[in-house]
């Protein structure tokens, strides 16, 4: 009986640890991002070039990504509307906006001391919502785009500004 109880306790602890490892998010590698993000992102009726050296993302133990890249919009109808392309493979809440798995584009405009970040569906351009990005405290490196793993900062960084996010349980 005692062995049975100890074995059951061991199984519960092992499964909890395994689940935590599978759902833990880490920074995606350059190779992973290159295989996931398109060289030409499908935005509305166009395929807009991306700047792969700006790619950033996170991945969990199940292989689900949240990743983005800067769009090169000069000469496209998206110029001024969108600046970034985002792939979401796990439900996420960004600054209060719930995003389901899918492809999105976003752009930003100055808003007081921060940025107003506007999210749209990539395929149609339909608005999804707006989130506020605030200046990141301290001295942080300026990034075109950086998606921090939730254990580090849980921020999507645009320049010197950050939008907080939460990854929903899958």
C-alpha atoms as a PDB file:
ATOM      1  CA  UNK A   1       0.000   0.000   0.000  1.00  0.00           C
ATOM      2  CA  UNK A   2       2.804   2.338   0.936  1.00  0.00           C
ATOM      3  CA  UNK A   3       4.587   1.676  -2.380  1.00  0.00           C
ATOM      4  CA  UNK A   4       1.385   2.371  -4.259  1.00  0.00           C
ATOM      5  CA  UNK A   5       0.977   5.749  -2.563  1.00  0.00           C
ATOM      6  CA  UNK A   6       4.617   6.688  -3.153  1.00  0.00           C
ATOM      7  CA  UNK A   7       4.414   5.630  -6.802  1.00  0.00           C
ATOM      8  CA  UNK A   8       1.207   7.653  -7.289  1.00  0.00           C
ATOM      9  CA  UNK A   9       2.840  10.698  -5.714  1.00  0.00           C
ATOM     10  CA  UNK A  10       5.847  10.248  -7.997  1.00  0.00           C
ATOM     11  CA  UNK A  11       3.594  10.086 -11.085  1.00  0.00           C
ATOM     12  CA  UNK A  12       1.744  13.272 -10.090  1.00  0.00           C
ATOM     13  CA  UNK A  13       5.003  15.167  -9.543  1.00  0.00           C
ATOM     14  CA  UNK A  14       6.539  13.849 -12.774  1.00  0.00           C
ATOM     15  CA  UNK A  15       3.500  14.769 -14.880  1.00  0.00           C
ATOM     16  CA  UNK A  16       3.385  18.285 -13.372  1.00  0.00           C
ATOM     17  CA  UNK A  17       7.072  18.809 -14.138  1.00  0.00           C
ATOM     18  CA  UNK A  18       6.651  17.429 -17.661  1.00  0.00           C
ATOM     19  CA  UNK A  19       3.671  19.725 -18.328  1.00  0.00           C
ATOM     20  CA  UNK A  20       5.628  22.745 -17.065  1.00  0.00           C
ATOM     21  CA  UNK A  21       8.537  21.870 -19.358  1.00  0.00           C
ATOM     22  CA  UNK A  22       6.262  21.400 -22.395  1.00  0.00           C
ATOM     23  CA  UNK A  23       4.517  24.744 -21.953  1.00  0.00           C
ATOM     24  CA  UNK A  24       7.620  26.780 -21.010  1.00  0.00           C
ATOM     25  CA  UNK A  25       8.421  29.503 -23.548  1.00  0.00           C
ATOM     26  CA  UNK A  26      11.928  30.305 -24.768  1.00  0.00           C
ATOM     27  CA  UNK A  27      13.486  32.632 -27.322  1.00  0.00           C
ATOM     28  CA  UNK A  28      13.219  31.194 -30.846  1.00  0.00           C
ATOM     29  CA  UNK A  29      16.456  30.697 -32.772  1.00  0.00           C
ATOM     30  CA  UNK A  30      17.252  32.496 -36.029  1.00  0.00           C
ATOM     31  CA  UNK A  31      16.888  29.196 -37.905  1.00  0.00           C
ATOM     32  CA  UNK A  32      13.440  28.559 -36.391  1.00  0.00           C
ATOM     33  CA  UNK A  33      12.307  32.080 -37.269  1.00  0.00           C
ATOM     34  CA  UNK A  34      13.632  31.768 -40.836  1.00  0.00           C
ATOM     35  CA  UNK A  35      11.662  28.551 -41.334  1.00  0.00           C
ATOM     36  CA  UNK A  36       8.456  30.066 -39.884  1.00  0.00           C
ATOM     37  CA  UNK A  37       8.306  33.667 -41.114  1.00  0.00           C
ATOM     38  CA  UNK A  38       7.791  34.373 -44.816  1.00  0.00           C
ATOM     39  CA  UNK A  39      10.211  36.388 -46.952  1.00  0.00           C
ATOM     40  CA  UNK A  40       7.084  38.037 -48.423  1.00  0.00           C
ATOM     41  CA  UNK A  41       4.216  38.325 -45.941  1.00  0.00           C
ATOM     42  CA  UNK A  42       0.650  37.963 -47.231  1.00  0.00           C
ATOM     43  CA  UNK A  43      -1.003  41.269 -46.274  1.00  0.00           C
ATOM     44  CA  UNK A  44      -4.448  41.936 -47.710  1.00  0.00           C
ATOM     45  CA  UNK A  45      -4.006  41.458 -51.487  1.00  0.00           C
ATOM     46  CA  UNK A  46      -0.224  41.929 -51.519  1.00  0.00           C
ATOM     47  CA  UNK A  47       2.881  40.003 -50.539  1.00  0.00           C
ATOM     48  CA  UNK A  48       5.091  42.501 -48.709  1.00  0.00           C
ATOM     49  CA  UNK A  49       8.799  41.905 -48.222  1.00  0.00           C
ATOM     50  CA  UNK A  50      10.039  41.314 -44.682  1.00  0.00           C
ATOM     51  CA  UNK A  51      13.316  42.310 -43.047  1.00  0.00           C
ATOM     52  CA  UNK A  52      14.417  38.952 -41.614  1.00  0.00           C
ATOM     53  CA  UNK A  53      17.253  40.404 -39.535  1.00  0.00           C
ATOM     54  CA  UNK A  54      14.539  42.068 -37.391  1.00  0.00           C
ATOM     55  CA  UNK A  55      12.683  38.783 -36.757  1.00  0.00           C
ATOM     56  CA  UNK A  56      11.956  37.881 -33.159  1.00  0.00           C
ATOM     57  CA  UNK A  57       9.821  35.295 -31.462  1.00  0.00           C
ATOM     58  CA  UNK A  58       9.233  32.778 -28.743  1.00  0.00           C
ATOM     59  CA  UNK A  59       8.412  29.070 -28.905  1.00  0.00           C
ATOM     60  CA  UNK A  60       7.063  26.626 -26.354  1.00  0.00           C
ATOM     61  CA  UNK A  61       7.824  22.954 -25.801  1.00  0.00           C
ATOM     62  CA  UNK A  62       4.943  21.980 -28.092  1.00  0.00           C
ATOM     63  CA  UNK A  63       6.447  23.870 -31.038  1.00  0.00           C
ATOM     64  CA  UNK A  64       3.935  26.732 -30.989  1.00  0.00           C
ATOM     65  CA  UNK A  65       5.351  30.134 -31.910  1.00  0.00           C
ATOM     66  CA  UNK A  66       4.543  33.763 -31.358  1.00  0.00           C
ATOM     67  CA  UNK A  67       6.821  35.535 -33.812  1.00  0.00           C
ATOM     68  CA  UNK A  68       7.056  38.706 -35.824  1.00  0.00           C
ATOM     69  CA  UNK A  69       9.130  40.644 -38.305  1.00  0.00           C
ATOM     70  CA  UNK A  70       9.315  44.179 -39.710  1.00  0.00           C
ATOM     71  CA  UNK A  71       7.574  44.763 -43.046  1.00  0.00           C
ATOM     72  CA  UNK A  72       9.274  46.731 -45.821  1.00  0.00           C
ATOM     73  CA  UNK A  73       6.175  48.674 -46.868  1.00  0.00           C
ATOM     74  CA  UNK A  74       7.666  51.321 -49.170  1.00  0.00           C
ATOM     75  CA  UNK A  75       5.688  51.285 -52.407  1.00  0.00           C
ATOM     76  CA  UNK A  76       2.864  49.107 -51.039  1.00  0.00           C
ATOM     77  CA  UNK A  77      -0.661  50.188 -50.099  1.00  0.00           C
ATOM     78  CA  UNK A  78       0.147  49.149 -46.500  1.00  0.00           C
ATOM     79  CA  UNK A  79       2.721  51.959 -46.182  1.00  0.00           C
ATOM     80  CA  UNK A  80       1.891  53.991 -43.100  1.00  0.00           C
ATOM     81  CA  UNK A  81      -0.802  51.520 -41.913  1.00  0.00           C
ATOM     82  CA  UNK A  82       1.316  48.527 -40.936  1.00  0.00           C
ATOM     83  CA  UNK A  83       4.922  48.164 -39.884  1.00  0.00           C
ATOM     84  CA  UNK A  84       5.097  44.589 -38.528  1.00  0.00           C
ATOM     85  CA  UNK A  85       3.839  41.099 -39.375  1.00  0.00           C
ATOM     86  CA  UNK A  86       2.939  38.712 -36.525  1.00  0.00           C
ATOM     87  CA  UNK A  87       2.248  34.965 -36.450  1.00  0.00           C
ATOM     88  CA  UNK A  88       0.407  33.660 -33.389  1.00  0.00           C
ATOM     89  CA  UNK A  89       0.163  29.886 -32.877  1.00  0.00           C
ATOM     90  CA  UNK A  90      -1.123  29.967 -29.292  1.00  0.00           C
ATOM     91  CA  UNK A  91      -3.844  32.198 -27.827  1.00  0.00           C
ATOM     92  CA  UNK A  92      -2.311  35.409 -26.491  1.00  0.00           C
ATOM     93  CA  UNK A  93      -3.576  38.606 -24.913  1.00  0.00           C
ATOM     94  CA  UNK A  94      -1.520  41.643 -25.974  1.00  0.00           C
ATOM     95  CA  UNK A  95      -2.246  44.764 -23.966  1.00  0.00           C
ATOM     96  CA  UNK A  96      -5.821  43.600 -23.387  1.00  0.00           C
ATOM     97  CA  UNK A  97      -6.475  42.421 -26.972  1.00  0.00           C
ATOM     98  CA  UNK A  98      -7.135  38.691 -27.276  1.00  0.00           C
ATOM     99  CA  UNK A  99      -5.564  37.168 -30.379  1.00  0.00           C
ATOM    100  CA  UNK A 100      -6.450  33.670 -31.568  1.00  0.00           C
ATOM    101  CA  UNK A 101      -3.937  31.634 -33.537  1.00  0.00           C
ATOM    102  CA  UNK A 102      -3.502  33.308 -36.906  1.00  0.00           C
ATOM    103  CA  UNK A 103      -1.609  35.951 -38.865  1.00  0.00           C
ATOM    104  CA  UNK A 104      -1.753  39.624 -37.983  1.00  0.00           C
ATOM    105  CA  UNK A 105      -0.191  42.927 -38.970  1.00  0.00           C
ATOM    106  CA  UNK A 106       0.252  45.940 -36.770  1.00  0.00           C
ATOM    107  CA  UNK A 107       1.337  49.520 -36.990  1.00  0.00           C
ATOM    108  CA  UNK A 108       1.774  52.230 -34.428  1.00  0.00           C
ATOM    109  CA  UNK A 109       1.442  55.965 -33.903  1.00  0.00           C
ATOM    110  CA  UNK A 110       2.749  58.246 -31.164  1.00  0.00           C
ATOM    111  CA  UNK A 111       0.317  58.759 -28.318  1.00  0.00           C
ATOM    112  CA  UNK A 112       1.506  61.130 -25.601  1.00  0.00           C
ATOM    113  CA  UNK A 113       4.481  59.469 -23.901  1.00  0.00           C
ATOM    114  CA  UNK A 114       3.884  56.116 -25.587  1.00  0.00           C
ATOM    115  CA  UNK A 115       2.705  54.385 -28.703  1.00  0.00           C
ATOM    116  CA  UNK A 116      -0.757  53.395 -29.808  1.00  0.00           C
ATOM    117  CA  UNK A 117      -0.356  49.980 -31.474  1.00  0.00           C
ATOM    118  CA  UNK A 118      -3.113  48.985 -33.943  1.00  0.00           C
ATOM    119  CA  UNK A 119      -3.601  45.261 -34.710  1.00  0.00           C
ATOM    120  CA  UNK A 120      -5.308  43.974 -37.884  1.00  0.00           C
ATOM    121  CA  UNK A 121      -5.941  40.612 -39.508  1.00  0.00           C
ATOM    122  CA  UNK A 122      -3.235  40.137 -42.126  1.00  0.00           C
ATOM    123  CA  UNK A 123      -5.486  38.546 -44.761  1.00  0.00           C
ATOM    124  CA  UNK A 124      -8.199  41.226 -44.755  1.00  0.00           C
ATOM    125  CA  UNK A 125      -6.835  44.242 -42.903  1.00  0.00           C
ATOM    126  CA  UNK A 126      -9.846  44.115 -40.569  1.00  0.00           C
ATOM    127  CA  UNK A 127      -9.087  45.887 -37.272  1.00  0.00           C
ATOM    128  CA  UNK A 128      -8.707  43.673 -34.201  1.00  0.00           C
ATOM    129  CA  UNK A 129      -7.917  46.267 -31.535  1.00  0.00           C
ATOM    130  CA  UNK A 130      -5.498  48.803 -30.144  1.00  0.00           C
ATOM    131  CA  UNK A 131      -2.997  48.416 -27.306  1.00  0.00           C
ATOM    132  CA  UNK A 132      -0.823  50.995 -25.574  1.00  0.00           C
ATOM    133  CA  UNK A 133       2.948  50.632 -25.502  1.00  0.00           C
ATOM    134  CA  UNK A 134       4.857  52.460 -22.778  1.00  0.00           C
ATOM    135  CA  UNK A 135       8.508  53.439 -22.518  1.00  0.00           C
ATOM    136  CA  UNK A 136      10.506  50.598 -20.992  1.00  0.00           C
ATOM    137  CA  UNK A 137      12.019  51.714 -17.679  1.00  0.00           C
ATOM    138  CA  UNK A 138      15.792  51.805 -17.362  1.00  0.00           C
ATOM    139  CA  UNK A 139      18.226  51.638 -20.183  1.00  0.00           C
ATOM    140  CA  UNK A 140      17.206  48.999 -22.665  1.00  0.00           C
ATOM    141  CA  UNK A 141      18.573  48.442 -26.114  1.00  0.00           C
ATOM    142  CA  UNK A 142      16.440  49.901 -28.899  1.00  0.00           C
ATOM    143  CA  UNK A 143      14.953  47.059 -30.969  1.00  0.00           C
ATOM    144  CA  UNK A 144      12.889  47.174 -34.170  1.00  0.00           C
ATOM    145  CA  UNK A 145      10.976  44.246 -32.692  1.00  0.00           C
ATOM    146  CA  UNK A 146      11.681  41.918 -29.808  1.00  0.00           C
ATOM    147  CA  UNK A 147       9.316  39.429 -28.276  1.00  0.00           C
ATOM    148  CA  UNK A 148      10.593  38.599 -24.811  1.00  0.00           C
ATOM    149  CA  UNK A 149       9.853  35.164 -23.285  1.00  0.00           C
ATOM    150  CA  UNK A 150       7.184  35.463 -20.555  1.00  0.00           C
ATOM    151  CA  UNK A 151       9.595  34.317 -17.841  1.00  0.00           C
ATOM    152  CA  UNK A 152      11.929  37.252 -18.658  1.00  0.00           C
ATOM    153  CA  UNK A 153       9.706  40.287 -19.306  1.00  0.00           C
ATOM    154  CA  UNK A 154       6.430  39.302 -21.078  1.00  0.00           C
ATOM    155  CA  UNK A 155       6.806  42.299 -23.400  1.00  0.00           C
ATOM    156  CA  UNK A 156       6.650  42.919 -27.097  1.00  0.00           C
ATOM    157  CA  UNK A 157       9.265  45.613 -27.585  1.00  0.00           C
ATOM    158  CA  UNK A 158       9.005  48.164 -30.392  1.00  0.00           C
ATOM    159  CA  UNK A 159      11.887  50.636 -30.269  1.00  0.00           C
ATOM    160  CA  UNK A 160      12.132  51.826 -26.651  1.00  0.00           C
ATOM    161  CA  UNK A 161       8.514  50.930 -25.938  1.00  0.00           C
ATOM    162  CA  UNK A 162       6.867  47.754 -24.712  1.00  0.00           C
ATOM    163  CA  UNK A 163       3.384  46.236 -24.806  1.00  0.00           C
ATOM    164  CA  UNK A 164       2.743  43.633 -22.088  1.00  0.00           C
ATOM    165  CA  UNK A 165       1.293  40.275 -23.114  1.00  0.00           C
ATOM    166  CA  UNK A 166       0.006  37.064 -21.542  1.00  0.00           C
ATOM    167  CA  UNK A 167       0.014  33.671 -23.204  1.00  0.00           C
ATOM    168  CA  UNK A 168      -3.221  31.788 -22.534  1.00  0.00           C
ATOM    169  CA  UNK A 169      -3.144  28.170 -21.422  1.00  0.00           C
ATOM    170  CA  UNK A 170      -3.499  25.797 -24.337  1.00  0.00           C
END
